């Protein structure tokens, strides 16, 4: 399994998923062609869940997301529950701009829906990617 790296666009986030357990989604997630964008990412993620690293760090720094992207991310978070149940370590690192209370609330909502621990990181303007 190869790592997956996709550059950000105006409508899609940067994706960097490494088989070593470092998984990152950064930027806006409002793709026009949701299925075309998310299907290869979900396929890679499914393979990873079948053969994970001992420790998984899922870092999300989402500026904005639409409903379909929210569902796709939630599906990945649910799959992380499987890792925990099988004895692997998994943590979600939810980074958000400290002035963006809406994205903090999105992260808190996700946190309540899954069993994987969340770490919240408020970013100041100069730390935002």
N, C-alpha and C. Protein backbone atom coordinates (compact mmCIF):
# COMPACT_ATOMS: atom_id res chain seq x y z
N UNK A 1 0.85 -1.18 0.00
CA UNK A 1 0.00 0.00 0.00
C UNK A 1 0.89 1.24 0.00
N UNK A 2 0.67 2.12 -0.96
CA UNK A 2 1.42 3.36 -1.05
C UNK A 2 0.72 4.46 -0.28
N UNK A 3 1.50 5.45 0.14
CA UNK A 3 0.91 6.64 0.75
C UNK A 3 0.07 7.36 -0.30
N UNK A 4 -0.87 8.18 0.16
CA UNK A 4 -1.68 8.97 -0.76
C UNK A 4 -1.47 10.44 -0.43
N UNK A 5 -1.20 11.23 -1.46
CA UNK A 5 -0.97 12.67 -1.30
C UNK A 5 -1.71 13.40 -2.40
N UNK A 6 -2.65 14.26 -2.00
CA UNK A 6 -3.40 15.08 -2.93
C UNK A 6 -3.24 16.54 -2.53
N UNK A 7 -2.92 17.38 -3.48
CA UNK A 7 -2.79 18.80 -3.21
C UNK A 7 -4.15 19.45 -3.06
N UNK A 8 -4.20 20.49 -2.26
CA UNK A 8 -5.45 21.23 -2.05
C UNK A 8 -5.80 22.03 -3.30
N UNK A 9 -7.09 22.24 -3.49
CA UNK A 9 -7.61 23.14 -4.52
C UNK A 9 -8.52 24.13 -3.81
N UNK A 10 -9.19 24.96 -4.57
CA UNK A 10 -10.13 25.91 -3.96
C UNK A 10 -11.30 25.19 -3.28
N UNK A 11 -11.60 23.97 -3.74
CA UNK A 11 -12.76 23.25 -3.21
C UNK A 11 -12.42 21.96 -2.48
N UNK A 12 -11.17 21.51 -2.56
CA UNK A 12 -10.82 20.23 -1.93
C UNK A 12 -9.62 20.40 -1.00
N UNK A 13 -9.59 19.62 0.06
CA UNK A 13 -8.50 19.73 1.01
C UNK A 13 -7.24 19.01 0.55
N UNK A 14 -6.15 19.37 1.17
CA UNK A 14 -4.92 18.58 0.99
C UNK A 14 -5.12 17.30 1.78
N UNK A 15 -4.74 16.20 1.17
CA UNK A 15 -4.83 14.89 1.82
C UNK A 15 -3.43 14.30 1.85
N UNK A 16 -3.01 13.89 3.02
CA UNK A 16 -1.77 13.12 3.12
C UNK A 16 -2.04 11.98 4.09
N UNK A 17 -2.16 10.79 3.54
CA UNK A 17 -2.36 9.59 4.34
C UNK A 17 -1.12 8.71 4.15
N UNK A 18 -0.45 8.42 5.24
CA UNK A 18 0.75 7.59 5.20
C UNK A 18 0.50 6.26 5.89
N UNK A 19 1.02 5.21 5.32
CA UNK A 19 0.86 3.89 5.91
C UNK A 19 1.52 3.78 7.28
N UNK A 20 2.36 4.79 7.63
CA UNK A 20 2.98 4.78 8.95
C UNK A 20 2.04 5.25 10.05
N UNK A 21 0.79 5.62 9.67
CA UNK A 21 -0.22 5.98 10.66
C UNK A 21 -0.49 7.47 10.80
N UNK A 22 0.21 8.29 10.03
CA UNK A 22 -0.05 9.72 10.04
C UNK A 22 -1.00 10.05 8.90
N UNK A 23 -2.21 10.48 9.26
CA UNK A 23 -3.25 10.76 8.29
C UNK A 23 -3.68 12.21 8.48
N UNK A 24 -3.67 13.00 7.40
CA UNK A 24 -3.99 14.42 7.52
C UNK A 24 -4.95 14.88 6.43
N UNK A 25 -5.91 15.69 6.85
CA UNK A 25 -6.81 16.38 5.93
C UNK A 25 -6.78 17.84 6.34
N UNK A 26 -6.41 18.71 5.38
CA UNK A 26 -6.24 20.13 5.68
C UNK A 26 -6.87 20.99 4.60
N UNK A 27 -7.74 21.92 4.98
CA UNK A 27 -8.29 22.87 4.03
C UNK A 27 -9.79 22.80 3.91
N UNK A 28 -10.31 23.33 2.80
CA UNK A 28 -11.75 23.31 2.52
C UNK A 28 -12.14 21.97 1.93
N UNK A 29 -13.31 21.49 2.32
CA UNK A 29 -13.82 20.22 1.80
C UNK A 29 -15.22 20.45 1.23
N UNK A 30 -15.24 21.02 0.03
CA UNK A 30 -16.50 21.29 -0.66
C UNK A 30 -16.39 20.88 -2.13
N UNK A 31 -15.99 19.63 -2.38
CA UNK A 31 -15.77 19.21 -3.77
C UNK A 31 -17.06 19.21 -4.59
N UNK A 32 -16.93 19.59 -5.87
CA UNK A 32 -18.08 19.56 -6.78
C UNK A 32 -18.49 18.12 -7.09
N UNK A 33 -17.52 17.28 -7.32
CA UNK A 33 -17.77 15.87 -7.64
C UNK A 33 -17.38 15.03 -6.43
N UNK A 34 -18.29 14.99 -5.46
CA UNK A 34 -17.99 14.34 -4.18
C UNK A 34 -17.54 12.90 -4.34
N UNK A 35 -18.26 12.13 -5.13
CA UNK A 35 -17.93 10.70 -5.29
C UNK A 35 -16.55 10.53 -5.91
N UNK A 36 -16.26 11.30 -6.95
CA UNK A 36 -14.95 11.20 -7.60
C UNK A 36 -13.82 11.58 -6.64
N UNK A 37 -14.07 12.55 -5.80
CA UNK A 37 -13.02 12.98 -4.87
C UNK A 37 -12.85 11.98 -3.72
N UNK A 38 -13.94 11.62 -3.05
CA UNK A 38 -13.83 10.84 -1.82
C UNK A 38 -13.64 9.34 -2.03
N UNK A 39 -14.07 8.77 -3.14
CA UNK A 39 -13.98 7.31 -3.32
C UNK A 39 -12.56 6.78 -3.21
N UNK A 40 -11.57 7.34 -3.91
CA UNK A 40 -10.22 6.78 -3.76
C UNK A 40 -9.65 6.96 -2.34
N UNK A 41 -10.05 8.03 -1.69
CA UNK A 41 -9.60 8.27 -0.31
C UNK A 41 -10.21 7.23 0.62
N UNK A 42 -11.50 6.98 0.48
CA UNK A 42 -12.16 5.97 1.31
C UNK A 42 -11.61 4.57 1.02
N UNK A 43 -11.31 4.29 -0.24
CA UNK A 43 -10.73 2.98 -0.59
C UNK A 43 -9.38 2.79 0.08
N UNK A 44 -8.53 3.82 0.05
CA UNK A 44 -7.22 3.75 0.71
C UNK A 44 -7.43 3.56 2.21
N UNK A 45 -8.34 4.32 2.78
CA UNK A 45 -8.60 4.26 4.21
C UNK A 45 -9.06 2.86 4.63
N UNK A 46 -9.89 2.24 3.82
CA UNK A 46 -10.35 0.87 4.12
C UNK A 46 -9.19 -0.11 4.13
N UNK A 47 -8.29 0.02 3.16
CA UNK A 47 -7.10 -0.84 3.14
C UNK A 47 -6.24 -0.60 4.38
N UNK A 48 -6.12 0.67 4.75
CA UNK A 48 -5.34 1.00 5.94
C UNK A 48 -5.96 0.37 7.20
N UNK A 49 -7.25 0.46 7.34
CA UNK A 49 -7.93 -0.11 8.51
C UNK A 49 -7.68 -1.61 8.59
N UNK A 50 -7.60 -2.27 7.45
CA UNK A 50 -7.32 -3.71 7.42
C UNK A 50 -5.89 -4.03 7.84
N UNK A 51 -4.95 -3.10 7.58
CA UNK A 51 -3.52 -3.31 7.87
C UNK A 51 -2.93 -2.03 8.46
N UNK A 52 -3.36 -1.66 9.67
CA UNK A 52 -2.95 -0.37 10.23
C UNK A 52 -1.56 -0.39 10.85
N UNK A 53 -1.03 0.80 11.05
CA UNK A 53 0.15 0.97 11.87
C UNK A 53 -0.27 0.76 13.33
N UNK A 54 0.70 0.55 14.19
CA UNK A 54 0.39 0.34 15.61
C UNK A 54 -0.33 1.55 16.20
N UNK A 55 0.08 2.76 15.77
CA UNK A 55 -0.52 4.00 16.25
C UNK A 55 -0.99 4.82 15.06
N UNK A 56 -2.22 5.32 15.14
CA UNK A 56 -2.79 6.15 14.09
C UNK A 56 -3.08 7.53 14.65
N UNK A 57 -2.56 8.56 14.00
CA UNK A 57 -2.85 9.94 14.33
C UNK A 57 -3.57 10.55 13.15
N UNK A 58 -4.84 10.85 13.35
CA UNK A 58 -5.68 11.41 12.29
C UNK A 58 -5.83 12.90 12.58
N UNK A 59 -5.12 13.72 11.77
CA UNK A 59 -5.12 15.16 11.99
C UNK A 59 -6.05 15.83 10.99
N UNK A 60 -7.00 16.58 11.51
CA UNK A 60 -7.95 17.30 10.68
C UNK A 60 -7.85 18.79 10.98
N UNK A 61 -7.64 19.55 9.93
CA UNK A 61 -7.65 21.02 10.04
C UNK A 61 -8.55 21.52 8.92
N UNK A 62 -9.84 21.48 9.16
CA UNK A 62 -10.83 21.80 8.15
C UNK A 62 -11.27 23.25 8.31
N UNK A 63 -11.19 24.00 7.22
CA UNK A 63 -11.65 25.40 7.24
C UNK A 63 -13.16 25.48 7.05
N UNK A 64 -13.67 24.61 6.19
CA UNK A 64 -15.09 24.59 5.87
C UNK A 64 -15.39 23.26 5.21
N UNK A 65 -16.58 22.70 5.46
CA UNK A 65 -16.94 21.46 4.79
C UNK A 65 -18.43 21.46 4.52
N UNK A 66 -18.80 20.77 3.44
CA UNK A 66 -20.21 20.63 3.11
C UNK A 66 -20.75 19.34 3.73
N UNK A 67 -22.03 19.10 3.57
CA UNK A 67 -22.67 17.95 4.19
C UNK A 67 -22.08 16.62 3.71
N UNK A 68 -21.83 16.50 2.41
CA UNK A 68 -21.30 15.22 1.92
C UNK A 68 -19.89 14.97 2.46
N UNK A 69 -19.08 15.99 2.56
CA UNK A 69 -17.73 15.81 3.12
C UNK A 69 -17.80 15.49 4.61
N UNK A 70 -18.75 16.10 5.30
CA UNK A 70 -18.94 15.80 6.71
C UNK A 70 -19.26 14.32 6.91
N UNK A 71 -20.12 13.79 6.06
CA UNK A 71 -20.47 12.36 6.13
C UNK A 71 -19.26 11.48 5.84
N UNK A 72 -18.44 11.87 4.86
CA UNK A 72 -17.26 11.08 4.51
C UNK A 72 -16.26 11.05 5.67
N UNK A 73 -16.06 12.19 6.29
CA UNK A 73 -15.14 12.25 7.42
C UNK A 73 -15.69 11.45 8.60
N UNK A 74 -16.97 11.57 8.86
CA UNK A 74 -17.58 10.79 9.94
C UNK A 74 -17.44 9.30 9.69
N UNK A 75 -17.58 8.88 8.45
CA UNK A 75 -17.40 7.47 8.12
C UNK A 75 -15.98 7.02 8.48
N UNK A 76 -14.98 7.84 8.19
CA UNK A 76 -13.61 7.48 8.56
C UNK A 76 -13.44 7.42 10.07
N UNK A 77 -14.06 8.36 10.77
CA UNK A 77 -13.97 8.35 12.23
C UNK A 77 -14.61 7.09 12.81
N UNK A 78 -15.74 6.68 12.26
CA UNK A 78 -16.36 5.43 12.71
C UNK A 78 -15.43 4.24 12.48
N UNK A 79 -14.74 4.25 11.35
CA UNK A 79 -13.81 3.15 11.05
C UNK A 79 -12.64 3.13 12.03
N UNK A 80 -12.26 4.29 12.56
CA UNK A 80 -11.20 4.33 13.58
C UNK A 80 -11.63 3.60 14.85
N UNK A 81 -12.94 3.58 15.12
CA UNK A 81 -13.43 2.79 16.26
C UNK A 81 -13.00 1.34 16.14
N UNK A 82 -13.02 0.82 14.92
CA UNK A 82 -12.61 -0.57 14.69
C UNK A 82 -11.17 -0.80 15.16
N UNK A 83 -10.31 0.17 14.90
CA UNK A 83 -8.91 0.04 15.33
C UNK A 83 -8.83 -0.06 16.85
N UNK A 84 -9.56 0.81 17.53
CA UNK A 84 -9.55 0.80 18.99
C UNK A 84 -10.05 -0.55 19.52
N UNK A 85 -11.10 -1.06 18.89
CA UNK A 85 -11.66 -2.34 19.33
C UNK A 85 -10.68 -3.49 19.12
N UNK A 86 -9.79 -3.36 18.13
CA UNK A 86 -8.80 -4.40 17.85
C UNK A 86 -7.49 -4.17 18.63
N UNK A 87 -7.45 -3.16 19.49
CA UNK A 87 -6.29 -2.95 20.35
C UNK A 87 -5.24 -2.01 19.80
N UNK A 88 -5.51 -1.34 18.72
CA UNK A 88 -4.57 -0.36 18.17
C UNK A 88 -4.82 1.01 18.80
N UNK A 89 -3.79 1.84 18.82
CA UNK A 89 -3.92 3.20 19.30
C UNK A 89 -4.38 4.10 18.16
N UNK A 90 -5.35 4.94 18.43
CA UNK A 90 -5.83 5.91 17.43
C UNK A 90 -6.27 7.17 18.17
N UNK A 91 -5.85 8.31 17.63
CA UNK A 91 -6.21 9.60 18.20
C UNK A 91 -6.57 10.54 17.06
N UNK A 92 -7.60 11.35 17.28
CA UNK A 92 -7.98 12.39 16.33
C UNK A 92 -7.46 13.71 16.87
N UNK A 93 -6.72 14.43 16.04
CA UNK A 93 -6.21 15.75 16.40
C UNK A 93 -7.02 16.76 15.58
N UNK A 94 -7.89 17.49 16.24
CA UNK A 94 -8.80 18.43 15.56
C UNK A 94 -8.24 19.84 15.75
N UNK A 95 -7.68 20.39 14.67
CA UNK A 95 -7.13 21.75 14.71
C UNK A 95 -8.13 22.70 14.06
N UNK A 96 -8.29 23.86 14.67
CA UNK A 96 -9.24 24.84 14.17
C UNK A 96 -8.72 26.24 14.51
N UNK A 97 -9.13 27.22 13.73
CA UNK A 97 -8.76 28.59 14.04
C UNK A 97 -9.45 29.00 15.33
N UNK A 98 -8.71 29.59 16.24
CA UNK A 98 -9.28 29.89 17.55
C UNK A 98 -10.51 30.79 17.47
N UNK A 99 -10.65 31.54 16.40
CA UNK A 99 -11.83 32.40 16.24
C UNK A 99 -12.99 31.68 15.55
N UNK A 100 -12.78 30.43 15.13
CA UNK A 100 -13.81 29.69 14.39
C UNK A 100 -14.52 28.70 15.31
N UNK A 101 -15.47 29.22 16.08
CA UNK A 101 -16.21 28.41 17.03
C UNK A 101 -17.04 27.33 16.32
N UNK A 102 -17.50 27.63 15.10
CA UNK A 102 -18.30 26.64 14.36
C UNK A 102 -17.51 25.36 14.11
N UNK A 103 -16.24 25.49 13.70
CA UNK A 103 -15.44 24.29 13.43
C UNK A 103 -15.08 23.56 14.72
N UNK A 104 -14.93 24.30 15.82
CA UNK A 104 -14.73 23.65 17.11
C UNK A 104 -15.97 22.81 17.45
N UNK A 105 -17.16 23.37 17.22
CA UNK A 105 -18.39 22.64 17.51
C UNK A 105 -18.55 21.41 16.63
N UNK A 106 -18.14 21.50 15.36
CA UNK A 106 -18.17 20.34 14.48
C UNK A 106 -17.30 19.23 15.07
N UNK A 107 -16.10 19.60 15.49
CA UNK A 107 -15.20 18.62 16.10
C UNK A 107 -15.78 18.02 17.37
N UNK A 108 -16.40 18.84 18.19
CA UNK A 108 -17.02 18.34 19.43
C UNK A 108 -18.18 17.39 19.11
N UNK A 109 -18.94 17.71 18.07
CA UNK A 109 -20.02 16.81 17.66
C UNK A 109 -19.47 15.45 17.23
N UNK A 110 -18.42 15.47 16.40
CA UNK A 110 -17.79 14.21 15.99
C UNK A 110 -17.28 13.44 17.21
N UNK A 111 -16.65 14.16 18.12
CA UNK A 111 -16.08 13.51 19.31
C UNK A 111 -17.14 12.71 20.07
N UNK A 112 -18.36 13.24 20.14
CA UNK A 112 -19.44 12.57 20.87
C UNK A 112 -19.99 11.37 20.11
N UNK A 113 -19.68 11.26 18.81
CA UNK A 113 -20.23 10.18 17.99
C UNK A 113 -19.32 8.96 17.92
N UNK A 114 -18.07 9.10 18.35
CA UNK A 114 -17.12 8.00 18.23
C UNK A 114 -16.43 7.73 19.56
N UNK A 115 -15.72 6.63 19.62
CA UNK A 115 -15.03 6.23 20.83
C UNK A 115 -13.55 6.62 20.82
N UNK A 116 -13.08 7.10 19.71
CA UNK A 116 -11.67 7.47 19.56
C UNK A 116 -11.43 8.80 20.28
N UNK A 117 -10.35 8.90 21.06
CA UNK A 117 -10.09 10.16 21.76
C UNK A 117 -9.74 11.30 20.80
N UNK A 118 -10.18 12.50 21.16
CA UNK A 118 -9.89 13.71 20.39
C UNK A 118 -8.97 14.61 21.19
N UNK A 119 -8.07 15.27 20.48
CA UNK A 119 -7.25 16.33 21.03
C UNK A 119 -7.58 17.57 20.22
N UNK A 120 -7.97 18.66 20.90
CA UNK A 120 -8.35 19.89 20.21
C UNK A 120 -7.20 20.89 20.29
N UNK A 121 -6.91 21.50 19.15
CA UNK A 121 -5.82 22.46 19.06
C UNK A 121 -6.34 23.74 18.43
N UNK A 122 -6.41 24.80 19.23
CA UNK A 122 -6.82 26.12 18.72
C UNK A 122 -5.61 26.80 18.11
N UNK A 123 -5.72 27.16 16.85
CA UNK A 123 -4.62 27.80 16.13
C UNK A 123 -4.85 29.30 16.06
N UNK A 124 -3.81 30.04 16.37
CA UNK A 124 -3.89 31.49 16.18
C UNK A 124 -3.67 31.80 14.71
N UNK A 125 -3.97 33.00 14.28
CA UNK A 125 -3.87 33.39 12.87
C UNK A 125 -2.51 33.04 12.27
N UNK A 126 -1.43 33.25 13.01
CA UNK A 126 -0.10 33.00 12.44
C UNK A 126 0.26 31.52 12.35
N UNK A 127 -0.53 30.63 12.99
CA UNK A 127 -0.27 29.20 12.92
C UNK A 127 -1.15 28.46 11.92
N UNK A 128 -2.04 29.16 11.24
CA UNK A 128 -2.96 28.52 10.31
C UNK A 128 -2.26 28.27 9.00
N UNK A 129 -2.45 27.04 8.48
CA UNK A 129 -1.82 26.66 7.21
C UNK A 129 -2.62 27.24 6.07
